[in-house]
PDB file of N, CA and C in Angstrom:
ATOM      1  N   MET A   1      19.502 -15.950  18.481  1.00  0.00           N
ATOM      2  CA  MET A   1      19.346 -15.629  17.079  1.00  0.00           C
ATOM      3  C   MET A   1      20.690 -15.807  16.384  1.00  0.00           C
ATOM      4  N   THR A   2      20.700 -16.533  15.282  1.00  0.00           N
ATOM      5  CA  THR A   2      21.948 -16.757  14.557  1.00  0.00           C
ATOM      6  C   THR A   2      22.337 -15.512  13.779  1.00  0.00           C
ATOM      7  N   ILE A   3      23.571 -15.473  13.361  1.00  0.00           N
ATOM      8  CA  ILE A   3      24.075 -14.343  12.581  1.00  0.00           C
ATOM      9  C   ILE A   3      23.294 -14.218  11.267  1.00  0.00           C
ATOM     10  N   PHE A   4      22.881 -15.352  10.711  1.00  0.00           N
ATOM     11  CA  PHE A   4      22.108 -15.348   9.471  1.00  0.00           C
ATOM     12  C   PHE A   4      20.741 -14.690   9.701  1.00  0.00           C
ATOM     13  N   GLU A   5      20.109 -15.042  10.794  1.00  0.00           N
ATOM     14  CA  GLU A   5      18.805 -14.454  11.125  1.00  0.00           C
ATOM     15  C   GLU A   5      18.929 -12.957  11.398  1.00  0.00           C
ATOM     16  N   GLU A   6      20.023 -12.564  12.050  1.00  0.00           N
ATOM     17  CA  GLU A   6      20.235 -11.148  12.330  1.00  0.00           C
ATOM     18  C   GLU A   6      20.368 -10.349  11.045  1.00  0.00           C
ATOM     19  N   VAL A   7      21.148 -10.853  10.104  1.00  0.00           N
ATOM     20  CA  VAL A   7      21.328 -10.155   8.829  1.00  0.00           C
ATOM     21  C   VAL A   7      19.991 -10.038   8.108  1.00  0.00           C
ATOM     22  N   LYS A   8      19.221 -11.118   8.076  1.00  0.00           N
ATOM     23  CA  LYS A   8      17.921 -11.106   7.399  1.00  0.00           C
ATOM     24  C   LYS A   8      16.967 -10.103   8.033  1.00  0.00           C
ATOM     25  N   GLU A   9      17.075  -9.900   9.334  1.00  0.00           N
ATOM     26  CA  GLU A   9      16.220  -8.932  10.025  1.00  0.00           C
ATOM     27  C   GLU A   9      16.649  -7.497   9.774  1.00  0.00           C
ATOM     28  N   LEU A  10      17.944  -7.280   9.571  1.00  0.00           N
ATOM     29  CA  LEU A  10      18.471  -5.916   9.512  1.00  0.00           C
ATOM     30  C   LEU A  10      18.454  -5.281   8.126  1.00  0.00           C
ATOM     31  N   VAL A  11      18.485  -6.077   7.069  1.00  0.00           N
ATOM     32  CA  VAL A  11      18.504  -5.505   5.713  1.00  0.00           C
ATOM     33  C   VAL A  11      17.428  -6.145   4.852  1.00  0.00           C
ATOM     34  N   SER A  12      16.848  -5.342   3.985  1.00  0.00           N
ATOM     35  CA  SER A  12      15.789  -5.855   3.111  1.00  0.00           C
ATOM     36  C   SER A  12      16.372  -6.241   1.749  1.00  0.00           C
ATOM     37  N   VAL A  13      15.673  -7.105   1.065  1.00  0.00           N
ATOM     38  CA  VAL A  13      16.105  -7.555  -0.260  1.00  0.00           C
ATOM     39  C   VAL A  13      16.172  -6.380  -1.244  1.00  0.00           C
ATOM     40  N   PRO A  14      15.142  -5.516  -1.328  1.00  0.00           N
ATOM     41  CA  PRO A  14      15.248  -4.393  -2.277  1.00  0.00           C
ATOM     42  C   PRO A  14      16.430  -3.456  -1.989  1.00  0.00           C
ATOM     43  N   THR A  15      16.720  -3.220  -0.729  1.00  0.00           N
ATOM     44  CA  THR A  15      17.844  -2.355  -0.356  1.00  0.00           C
ATOM     45  C   THR A  15      19.162  -2.955  -0.826  1.00  0.00           C
ATOM     46  N   VAL A  16      19.342  -4.244  -0.577  1.00  0.00           N
ATOM     47  CA  VAL A  16      20.568  -4.930  -0.989  1.00  0.00           C
ATOM     48  C   VAL A  16      20.671  -4.969  -2.519  1.00  0.00           C
ATOM     49  N   ALA A  17      19.577  -5.254  -3.176  1.00  0.00           N
ATOM     50  CA  ALA A  17      19.579  -5.306  -4.645  1.00  0.00           C
ATOM     51  C   ALA A  17      20.014  -3.964  -5.232  1.00  0.00           C
ATOM     52  N   ARG A  18      19.433  -2.878  -4.743  1.00  0.00           N
ATOM     53  CA  ARG A  18      19.812  -1.538  -5.224  1.00  0.00           C
ATOM     54  C   ARG A  18      21.295  -1.264  -4.965  1.00  0.00           C
ATOM     55  N   TYR A  19      21.755  -1.600  -3.782  1.00  0.00           N
ATOM     56  CA  TYR A  19      23.149  -1.340  -3.415  1.00  0.00           C
ATOM     57  C   TYR A  19      24.113  -2.044  -4.362  1.00  0.00           C
ATOM     58  N   TYR A  20      23.758  -3.255  -4.776  1.00  0.00           N
ATOM     59  CA  TYR A  20      24.634  -4.016  -5.654  1.00  0.00           C
ATOM     60  C   TYR A  20      24.332  -3.809  -7.136  1.00  0.00           C
ATOM     61  N   GLY A  21      23.622  -2.732  -7.449  1.00  0.00           N
ATOM     62  CA  GLY A  21      23.496  -2.315  -8.837  1.00  0.00           C
ATOM     63  C   GLY A  21      22.302  -2.823  -9.622  1.00  0.00           C
ATOM     64  N   ILE A  22      21.352  -3.448  -8.951  1.00  0.00           N
ATOM     65  CA  ILE A  22      20.159  -3.914  -9.649  1.00  0.00           C
ATOM     66  C   ILE A  22      19.172  -2.749  -9.719  1.00  0.00           C
ATOM     67  N   ASP A  23      18.673  -2.480 -10.919  1.00  0.00           N
ATOM     68  CA  ASP A  23      17.726  -1.385 -11.137  1.00  0.00           C
ATOM     69  C   ASP A  23      16.333  -1.834 -10.692  1.00  0.00           C
ATOM     70  N   VAL A  24      15.958  -1.428  -9.496  1.00  0.00           N
ATOM     71  CA  VAL A  24      14.661  -1.809  -8.932  1.00  0.00           C
ATOM     72  C   VAL A  24      13.636  -0.780  -9.396  1.00  0.00           C
ATOM     73  N   ARG A  25      12.617  -1.270 -10.077  1.00  0.00           N
ATOM     74  CA  ARG A  25      11.607  -0.400 -10.669  1.00  0.00           C
ATOM     75  C   ARG A  25      10.336  -0.390  -9.841  1.00  0.00           C
ATOM     76  N   ARG A  26       9.331   0.262 -10.384  1.00  0.00           N
ATOM     77  CA  ARG A  26       8.039   0.384  -9.708  1.00  0.00           C
ATOM     78  C   ARG A  26       7.520  -0.988  -9.291  1.00  0.00           C
ATOM     79  N   GLY A  27       6.949  -1.044  -8.119  1.00  0.00           N
ATOM     80  CA  GLY A  27       6.412  -2.299  -7.611  1.00  0.00           C
ATOM     81  C   GLY A  27       7.489  -3.283  -7.178  1.00  0.00           C
ATOM     82  N   ASN A  28       8.726  -2.786  -6.977  1.00  0.00           N
ATOM     83  CA  ASN A  28       9.866  -3.636  -6.602  1.00  0.00           C
ATOM     84  C   ASN A  28      10.115  -4.762  -7.605  1.00  0.00           C
ATOM     85  N   MET A  29       9.897  -4.468  -8.884  1.00  0.00           N
ATOM     86  CA  MET A  29      10.222  -5.411  -9.959  1.00  0.00           C
ATOM     87  C   MET A  29      11.566  -5.017 -10.554  1.00  0.00           C
ATOM     88  N   CYS A  30      12.300  -6.020 -11.052  1.00  0.00           N
ATOM     89  CA  CYS A  30      13.592  -5.750 -11.677  1.00  0.00           C
ATOM     90  C   CYS A  30      13.900  -6.816 -12.721  1.00  0.00           C
ATOM     91  N   LEU A  31      14.889  -6.504 -13.547  1.00  0.00           N
ATOM     92  CA  LEU A  31      15.398  -7.516 -14.464  1.00  0.00           C
ATOM     93  C   LEU A  31      16.141  -8.545 -13.628  1.00  0.00           C
ATOM     94  N   CYS A  32      15.882  -9.791 -13.890  1.00  0.00           N
ATOM     95  CA  CYS A  32      16.546 -10.849 -13.119  1.00  0.00           C
ATOM     96  C   CYS A  32      18.029 -10.892 -13.486  1.00  0.00           C
ATOM     97  N   PRO A  33      18.906 -10.829 -12.495  1.00  0.00           N
ATOM     98  CA  PRO A  33      20.339 -10.886 -12.781  1.00  0.00           C
ATOM     99  C   PRO A  33      20.838 -12.292 -13.116  1.00  0.00           C
ATOM    100  N   PHE A  34      19.958 -13.281 -13.042  1.00  0.00           N
ATOM    101  CA  PHE A  34      20.376 -14.665 -13.231  1.00  0.00           C
ATOM    102  C   PHE A  34      20.045 -15.227 -14.608  1.00  0.00           C
ATOM    103  N   HIS A  35      19.307 -14.473 -15.413  1.00  0.00           N
ATOM    104  CA  HIS A  35      19.077 -14.887 -16.795  1.00  0.00           C
ATOM    105  C   HIS A  35      18.853 -13.649 -17.646  1.00  0.00           C
ATOM    106  N   ASN A  36      19.002 -13.800 -18.959  1.00  0.00           N
ATOM    107  CA  ASN A  36      18.899 -12.685 -19.887  1.00  0.00           C
ATOM    108  C   ASN A  36      17.436 -12.399 -20.199  1.00  0.00           C
ATOM    109  N   GLU A  37      17.027 -11.146 -20.014  1.00  0.00           N
ATOM    110  CA  GLU A  37      15.647 -10.772 -20.295  1.00  0.00           C
ATOM    111  C   GLU A  37      15.568  -9.287 -20.619  1.00  0.00           C
ATOM    112  N   ARG A  38      14.448  -8.869 -21.218  1.00  0.00           N
ATOM    113  CA  ARG A  38      14.262  -7.462 -21.563  1.00  0.00           C
ATOM    114  C   ARG A  38      13.194  -6.781 -20.717  1.00  0.00           C
ATOM    115  N   THR A  39      12.331  -7.570 -20.113  1.00  0.00           N
ATOM    116  CA  THR A  39      11.300  -7.003 -19.243  1.00  0.00           C
ATOM    117  C   THR A  39      11.438  -7.607 -17.848  1.00  0.00           C
ATOM    118  N   PRO A  40      11.185  -6.815 -16.823  1.00  0.00           N
ATOM    119  CA  PRO A  40      11.365  -7.300 -15.445  1.00  0.00           C
ATOM    120  C   PRO A  40      10.482  -8.510 -15.134  1.00  0.00           C
ATOM    121  N   SER A  41      11.112  -9.526 -14.560  1.00  0.00           N
ATOM    122  CA  SER A  41      10.357 -10.718 -14.141  1.00  0.00           C
ATOM    123  C   SER A  41      10.647 -11.104 -12.694  1.00  0.00           C
ATOM    124  N   MET A  42      11.520 -10.350 -12.033  1.00  0.00           N
ATOM    125  CA  MET A  42      11.849 -10.665 -10.651  1.00  0.00           C
ATOM    126  C   MET A  42      11.145  -9.690  -9.713  1.00  0.00           C
ATOM    127  N   LYS A  43      10.443 -10.238  -8.742  1.00  0.00           N
ATOM    128  CA  LYS A  43       9.758  -9.454  -7.721  1.00  0.00           C
ATOM    129  C   LYS A  43      10.582  -9.495  -6.447  1.00  0.00           C
ATOM    130  N   LEU A  44      10.864  -8.321  -5.904  1.00  0.00           N
ATOM    131  CA  LEU A  44      11.620  -8.213  -4.661  1.00  0.00           C
ATOM    132  C   LEU A  44      10.663  -7.872  -3.528  1.00  0.00           C
ATOM    133  N   TYR A  45      10.589  -8.749  -2.565  1.00  0.00           N
ATOM    134  CA  TYR A  45       9.795  -8.514  -1.359  1.00  0.00           C
ATOM    135  C   TYR A  45      10.761  -8.075  -0.262  1.00  0.00           C
ATOM    136  N   GLU A  46      10.258  -7.671   0.868  1.00  0.00           N
ATOM    137  CA  GLU A  46      11.134  -7.227   1.953  1.00  0.00           C
ATOM    138  C   GLU A  46      12.112  -8.324   2.388  1.00  0.00           C
ATOM    139  N   LYS A  47      11.621  -9.552   2.537  1.00  0.00           N
ATOM    140  CA  LYS A  47      12.443 -10.633   3.092  1.00  0.00           C
ATOM    141  C   LYS A  47      12.866 -11.691   2.074  1.00  0.00           C
ATOM    142  N   ASN A  48      12.351 -11.631   0.845  1.00  0.00           N
ATOM    143  CA  ASN A  48      12.740 -12.622  -0.153  1.00  0.00           C
ATOM    144  C   ASN A  48      12.524 -12.086  -1.560  1.00  0.00           C
ATOM    145  N   TYR A  49      12.898 -12.898  -2.544  1.00  0.00           N
ATOM    146  CA  TYR A  49      12.712 -12.537  -3.941  1.00  0.00           C
ATOM    147  C   TYR A  49      12.226 -13.759  -4.707  1.00  0.00           C
ATOM    148  N   TYR A  50      11.604 -13.496  -5.865  1.00  0.00           N
ATOM    149  CA  TYR A  50      11.145 -14.591  -6.715  1.00  0.00           C
ATOM    150  C   TYR A  50      11.167 -14.125  -8.164  1.00  0.00           C
ATOM    151  N   CYS A  51      11.754 -14.932  -9.043  1.00  0.00           N
ATOM    152  CA  CYS A  51      11.761 -14.635 -10.467  1.00  0.00           C
ATOM    153  C   CYS A  51      10.710 -15.502 -11.145  1.00  0.00           C
ATOM    154  N   PHE A  52       9.776 -14.852 -11.809  1.00  0.00           N
ATOM    155  CA  PHE A  52       8.716 -15.571 -12.506  1.00  0.00           C
ATOM    156  C   PHE A  52       9.228 -16.188 -13.809  1.00  0.00           C
ATOM    157  N   GLY A  53      10.413 -15.770 -14.270  1.00  0.00           N
ATOM    158  CA  GLY A  53      10.995 -16.314 -15.490  1.00  0.00           C
ATOM    159  C   GLY A  53      11.787 -17.587 -15.250  1.00  0.00           C
ATOM    160  N   CYS A  54      12.820 -17.493 -14.417  1.00  0.00           N
ATOM    161  CA  CYS A  54      13.708 -18.650 -14.197  1.00  0.00           C
ATOM    162  C   CYS A  54      13.440 -19.369 -12.884  1.00  0.00           C
ATOM    163  N   LYS A  55      12.482 -18.865 -12.096  1.00  0.00           N
ATOM    164  CA  LYS A  55      12.073 -19.463 -10.813  1.00  0.00           C
ATOM    165  C   LYS A  55      13.120 -19.332  -9.707  1.00  0.00           C
ATOM    166  N   ALA A  56      14.108 -18.462  -9.895  1.00  0.00           N
ATOM    167  CA  ALA A  56      15.085 -18.208  -8.828  1.00  0.00           C
ATOM    168  C   ALA A  56      14.351 -17.592  -7.646  1.00  0.00           C
ATOM    169  N   HIS A  57      14.736 -17.990  -6.447  1.00  0.00           N
ATOM    170  CA  HIS A  57      14.086 -17.465  -5.254  1.00  0.00           C
ATOM    171  C   HIS A  57      15.021 -17.618  -4.060  1.00  0.00           C
ATOM    172  N   GLY A  58      14.740 -16.861  -3.014  1.00  0.00           N
ATOM    173  CA  GLY A  58      15.538 -16.965  -1.804  1.00  0.00           C
ATOM    174  C   GLY A  58      15.413 -15.720  -0.959  1.00  0.00           C
ATOM    175  N   ASP A  59      16.305 -15.625   0.021  1.00  0.00           N
ATOM    176  CA  ASP A  59      16.310 -14.481   0.921  1.00  0.00           C
ATOM    177  C   ASP A  59      17.476 -13.564   0.564  1.00  0.00           C
ATOM    178  N   VAL A  60      17.724 -12.580   1.392  1.00  0.00           N
ATOM    179  CA  VAL A  60      18.762 -11.593   1.110  1.00  0.00           C
ATOM    180  C   VAL A  60      20.146 -12.245   1.025  1.00  0.00           C
ATOM    181  N   ILE A  61      20.400 -13.241   1.832  1.00  0.00           N
ATOM    182  CA  ILE A  61      21.703 -13.921   1.802  1.00  0.00           C
ATOM    183  C   ILE A  61      21.842 -14.721   0.513  1.00  0.00           C
ATOM    184  N   ASN A  62      20.781 -15.417   0.107  1.00  0.00           N
ATOM    185  CA  ASN A  62      20.820 -16.160  -1.155  1.00  0.00           C
ATOM    186  C   ASN A  62      21.074 -15.236  -2.333  1.00  0.00           C
ATOM    187  N   LEU A  63      20.458 -14.053  -2.305  1.00  0.00           N
ATOM    188  CA  LEU A  63      20.637 -13.097  -3.393  1.00  0.00           C
ATOM    189  C   LEU A  63      22.104 -12.701  -3.532  1.00  0.00           C
ATOM    190  N   VAL A  64      22.741 -12.365  -2.426  1.00  0.00           N
ATOM    191  CA  VAL A  64      24.153 -11.975  -2.457  1.00  0.00           C
ATOM    192  C   VAL A  64      25.027 -13.162  -2.858  1.00  0.00           C
ATOM    193  N   GLN A  65      24.693 -14.345  -2.374  1.00  0.00           N
ATOM    194  CA  GLN A  65      25.435 -15.556  -2.761  1.00  0.00           C
ATOM    195  C   GLN A  65      25.413 -15.730  -4.276  1.00  0.00           C
ATOM    196  N   GLU A  66      24.238 -15.609  -4.866  1.00  0.00           N
ATOM    197  CA  GLU A  66      24.083 -15.846  -6.298  1.00  0.00           C
ATOM    198  C   GLU A  66      24.693 -14.730  -7.140  1.00  0.00           C
ATOM    199  N   ILE A  67      24.556 -13.489  -6.697  1.00  0.00           N
ATOM    200  CA  ILE A  67      25.131 -12.374  -7.452  1.00  0.00           C
ATOM    201  C   ILE A  67      26.648 -12.510  -7.538  1.00  0.00           C
ATOM    202  N   PHE A  68      27.280 -12.823  -6.413  1.00  0.00           N
ATOM    203  CA  PHE A  68      28.740 -12.864  -6.357  1.00  0.00           C
ATOM    204  C   PHE A  68      29.317 -14.275  -6.405  1.00  0.00           C
ATOM    205  N   ARG A  69      28.443 -15.293  -6.448  1.00  0.00           N
ATOM    206  CA  ARG A  69      28.878 -16.697  -6.493  1.00  0.00           C
ATOM    207  C   ARG A  69      29.837 -17.001  -5.342  1.00  0.00           C
ATOM    208  N   ILE A  70      29.329 -16.749  -4.126  1.00  0.00           N
ATOM    209  CA  ILE A  70      30.112 -16.972  -2.916  1.00  0.00           C
ATOM    210  C   ILE A  70      29.293 -17.816  -1.939  1.00  0.00           C
ATOM    211  N   SER A  71      29.948 -18.289  -0.894  1.00  0.00           N
ATOM    212  CA  SER A  71      29.276 -19.102   0.130  1.00  0.00           C
ATOM    213  C   SER A  71      28.371 -18.229   0.988  1.00  0.00           C
ATOM    214  N   ALA A  72      27.512 -18.877   1.742  1.00  0.00           N
ATOM    215  CA  ALA A  72      26.581 -18.160   2.618  1.00  0.00           C
ATOM    216  C   ALA A  72      27.324 -17.330   3.663  1.00  0.00           C
ATOM    217  N   ILE A  73      28.346 -17.882   4.272  1.00  0.00           N
ATOM    218  CA  ILE A  73      29.069 -17.135   5.305  1.00  0.00           C
ATOM    219  C   ILE A  73      29.796 -15.943   4.702  1.00  0.00           C
ATOM    220  N   ARG A  74      30.346 -16.106   3.506  1.00  0.00           N
ATOM    221  CA  ARG A  74      31.001 -14.967   2.840  1.00  0.00           C
ATOM    222  C   ARG A  74      29.974 -13.909   2.473  1.00  0.00           C
ATOM    223  N   ALA A  75      28.761 -14.330   2.089  1.00  0.00           N
ATOM    224  CA  ALA A  75      27.691 -13.376   1.779  1.00  0.00           C
ATOM    225  C   ALA A  75      27.311 -12.588   3.024  1.00  0.00           C
ATOM    226  N   VAL A  76      27.192 -13.273   4.158  1.00  0.00           N
ATOM    227  CA  VAL A  76      26.865 -12.603   5.419  1.00  0.00           C
ATOM    228  C   VAL A  76      27.965 -11.611   5.787  1.00  0.00           C
ATOM    229  N   LYS A  77      29.210 -12.012   5.632  1.00  0.00           N
ATOM    230  CA  LYS A  77      30.319 -11.116   5.952  1.00  0.00           C
ATOM    231  C   LYS A  77      30.323  -9.901   5.035  1.00  0.00           C
ATOM    232  N   ARG A  78      30.013 -10.114   3.767  1.00  0.00           N
ATOM    233  CA  ARG A  78      29.984  -8.998   2.815  1.00  0.00           C
ATOM    234  C   ARG A  78      28.855  -8.014   3.156  1.00  0.00           C
ATOM    235  N   ILE A  79      27.674  -8.533   3.448  1.00  0.00           N
ATOM    236  CA  ILE A  79      26.548  -7.671   3.822  1.00  0.00           C
ATOM    237  C   ILE A  79      26.885  -6.913   5.099  1.00  0.00           C
ATOM    238  N   ASN A  80      27.436  -7.608   6.075  1.00  0.00           N
ATOM    239  CA  ASN A  80      27.818  -6.982   7.345  1.00  0.00           C
ATOM    240  C   ASN A  80      28.786  -5.823   7.104  1.00  0.00           C
ATOM    241  N   SER A  81      29.751  -6.032   6.252  1.00  0.00           N
ATOM    242  CA  SER A  81      30.743  -5.007   5.953  1.00  0.00           C
ATOM    243  C   SER A  81      30.157  -3.869   5.115  1.00  0.00           C
ATOM    244  N   ASP A  82      29.482  -4.214   4.018  1.00  0.00           N
ATOM    245  CA  ASP A  82      28.970  -3.196   3.099  1.00  0.00           C
ATOM    246  C   ASP A  82      27.890  -2.317   3.718  1.00  0.00           C
ATOM    247  N   PHE A  83      27.109  -2.866   4.635  1.00  0.00           N
ATOM    248  CA  PHE A  83      26.032  -2.110   5.255  1.00  0.00           C
ATOM    249  C   PHE A  83      26.376  -1.650   6.672  1.00  0.00           C
ATOM    250  N   SER A  84      27.623  -1.835   7.070  1.00  0.00           N
ATOM    251  CA  SER A  84      28.107  -1.395   8.396  1.00  0.00           C
ATOM    252  C   SER A  84      27.170  -1.829   9.518  1.00  0.00           C
ATOM    253  N   LEU A  85      26.829  -3.115   9.505  1.00  0.00           N
ATOM    254  CA  LEU A  85      25.898  -3.634  10.514  1.00  0.00           C
ATOM    255  C   LEU A  85      26.546  -3.785  11.884  1.00  0.00           C
ATOM    256  N   GLY A  86      27.858  -3.966  11.903  1.00  0.00           N
ATOM    257  CA  GLY A  86      28.559  -4.078  13.176  1.00  0.00           C
ATOM    258  C   GLY A  86      28.328  -5.388  13.904  1.00  0.00           C
ATOM    259  N   LEU A  87      27.937  -6.425  13.182  1.00  0.00           N
ATOM    260  CA  LEU A  87      27.703  -7.731  13.808  1.00  0.00           C
ATOM    261  C   LEU A  87      29.021  -8.450  14.021  1.00  0.00           C
ATOM    262  N   ASP A  88      29.110  -9.172  15.126  1.00  0.00           N
ATOM    263  CA  ASP A  88      30.311  -9.949  15.429  1.00  0.00           C
ATOM    264  C   ASP A  88      30.177 -11.310  14.759  1.00  0.00           C
ATOM    265  N   ILE A  89      30.653 -11.388  13.547  1.00  0.00           N
ATOM    266  CA  ILE A  89      30.513 -12.596  12.718  1.00  0.00           C
ATOM    267  C   ILE A  89      31.242 -13.787  13.324  1.00  0.00           C
ATOM    268  N   ASP A  90      32.365 -13.542  13.963  1.00  0.00           N
ATOM    269  CA  ASP A  90      33.208 -14.634  14.442  1.00  0.00           C
ATOM    270  C   ASP A  90      32.858 -15.124  15.840  1.00  0.00           C
ATOM    271  N   ARG A  91      31.802 -14.592  16.430  1.00  0.00           N
ATOM    272  CA  ARG A  91      31.424 -15.064  17.767  1.00  0.00           C
ATOM    273  C   ARG A  91      30.858 -16.485  17.665  1.00  0.00           C
ATOM    274  N   PRO A  92      31.109 -17.295  18.664  1.00  0.00           N
ATOM    275  CA  PRO A  92      30.548 -18.652  18.637  1.00  0.00           C
ATOM    276  C   PRO A  92      29.027 -18.613  18.782  1.00  0.00           C
ATOM    277  N   PRO A  93      28.333 -19.576  18.214  1.00  0.00           N
ATOM    278  CA  PRO A  93      26.872 -19.593  18.343  1.00  0.00           C
ATOM    279  C   PRO A  93      26.456 -19.803  19.798  1.00  0.00           C
ATOM    280  N   GLU A  94      25.328 -19.234  20.145  1.00  0.00           N
ATOM    281  CA  GLU A  94      24.810 -19.388  21.496  1.00  0.00           C
ATOM    282  C   GLU A  94      24.245 -20.795  21.669  1.00  0.00           C
ATOM    283  N   ARG A  95      24.224 -21.260  22.899  1.00  0.00           N
ATOM    284  CA  ARG A  95      23.764 -22.623  23.206  1.00  0.00           C
ATOM    285  C   ARG A  95      22.354 -22.884  22.688  1.00  0.00           C
ATOM    286  N   GLU A  96      21.451 -21.916  22.851  1.00  0.00           N
ATOM    287  CA  GLU A  96      20.069 -22.112  22.402  1.00  0.00           C
ATOM    288  C   GLU A  96      19.991 -22.247  20.878  1.00  0.00           C
ATOM    289  N   ASP A  97      20.867 -21.552  20.165  1.00  0.00           N
ATOM    290  CA  ASP A  97      20.896 -21.685  18.709  1.00  0.00           C
ATOM    291  C   ASP A  97      21.343 -23.089  18.298  1.00  0.00           C
ATOM    292  N   ILE A  98      22.357 -23.594  18.981  1.00  0.00           N
ATOM    293  CA  ILE A  98      22.862 -24.942  18.679  1.00  0.00           C
ATOM    294  C   ILE A  98      21.779 -25.978  18.958  1.00  0.00           C
ATOM    295  N   GLU A  99      21.099 -25.851  20.081  1.00  0.00           N
ATOM    296  CA  GLU A  99      20.038 -26.794  20.438  1.00  0.00           C
ATOM    297  C   GLU A  99      18.886 -26.736  19.426  1.00  0.00           C
ATOM    298  N   ARG A 100      18.510 -25.525  18.998  1.00  0.00           N
ATOM    299  CA  ARG A 100      17.427 -25.376  18.024  1.00  0.00           C
ATOM    300  C   ARG A 100      17.812 -25.999  16.684  1.00  0.00           C
ATOM    301  N   ILE A 101      19.034 -25.767  16.243  1.00  0.00           N
ATOM    302  CA  ILE A 101      19.506 -26.332  14.978  1.00  0.00           C
ATOM    303  C   ILE A 101      19.535 -27.854  15.057  1.00  0.00           C
ATOM    304  N   ASN A 102      19.986 -28.391  16.189  1.00  0.00           N
ATOM    305  CA  ASN A 102      20.004 -29.846  16.368  1.00  0.00           C
ATOM    306  C   ASN A 102      18.589 -30.429  16.344  1.00  0.00           C
ATOM    307  N   ARG A 103      17.636 -29.744  16.990  1.00  0.00           N
ATOM    308  CA  ARG A 103      16.242 -30.210  16.966  1.00  0.00           C
ATOM    309  C   ARG A 103      15.694 -30.197  15.537  1.00  0.00           C
ATOM    310  N   GLN A 104      15.982 -29.133  14.810  1.00  0.00           N
ATOM    311  CA  GLN A 104      15.497 -29.023  13.432  1.00  0.00           C
ATOM    312  C   GLN A 104      16.087 -30.122  12.555  1.00  0.00           C
ATOM    313  N   SER A 105      17.375 -30.390  12.718  1.00  0.00           N
ATOM    314  CA  SER A 105      18.000 -31.420  11.883  1.00  0.00           C
ATOM    315  C   SER A 105      17.475 -32.815  12.236  1.00  0.00           C
ATOM    316  N   ARG A 106      17.142 -33.058  13.516  1.00  0.00           N
ATOM    317  CA  ARG A 106      16.547 -34.348  13.889  1.00  0.00           C
ATOM    318  C   ARG A 106      15.165 -34.498  13.260  1.00  0.00           C
ATOM    319  N   CYS A 107      14.390 -33.424  13.245  1.00  0.00           N
ATOM    320  CA  CYS A 107      13.057 -33.460  12.626  1.00  0.00           C
ATOM    321  C   CYS A 107      13.145 -33.725  11.135  1.00  0.00           C
ATOM    322  N   VAL A 108      14.085 -33.081  10.480  1.00  0.00           N
ATOM    323  CA  VAL A 108      14.260 -33.283   9.034  1.00  0.00           C
ATOM    324  C   VAL A 108      14.660 -34.712   8.741  1.00  0.00           C
ATOM    325  N   SER A 109      15.584 -35.265   9.553  1.00  0.00           N
ATOM    326  CA  SER A 109      16.028 -36.643   9.298  1.00  0.00           C
ATOM    327  C   SER A 109      14.896 -37.652   9.553  1.00  0.00           C
ATOM    328  N   LEU A 110      13.968 -37.340  10.429  1.00  0.00           N
ATOM    329  CA  LEU A 110      12.841 -38.236  10.683  1.00  0.00           C
ATOM    330  C   LEU A 110      11.907 -38.325   9.461  1.00  0.00           C
ATOM    331  N   PHE A 111      11.820 -37.225   8.718  1.00  0.00           N
ATOM    332  CA  PHE A 111      10.907 -37.181   7.581  1.00  0.00           C
ATOM    333  C   PHE A 111      11.602 -37.466   6.255  1.00  0.00           C
ATOM    334  N   SER A 112      12.895 -37.706   6.283  1.00  0.00           N
ATOM    335  CA  SER A 112      13.633 -37.972   5.035  1.00  0.00           C
ATOM    336  C   SER A 112      13.580 -39.420   4.647  1.00  0.00           C
TER     337      SER A 112
END
């Protein structure tokens, strides 16, 4: 399991949104932080989010990336630190992860 997958498993989108100051309302709806609005148009699910106004979408890492305008690895490091996950971010990827990523990239290139 990659560090990205571990972070996605350990923290939910609504939890991260609340922590970073987004007012999550009934039904896990909130004002979208990516465009100006007066009524909530962003739905927060456990593993992803979707804005019905501007069509922004993604997972917990994408949300942190967009809020702070940082790279994916910096977002993972920030979540790891802010939520005290204790993940070893700097460990090298496991062999099975590398092989899986290589297989996925070969499949994508075949269909491109």
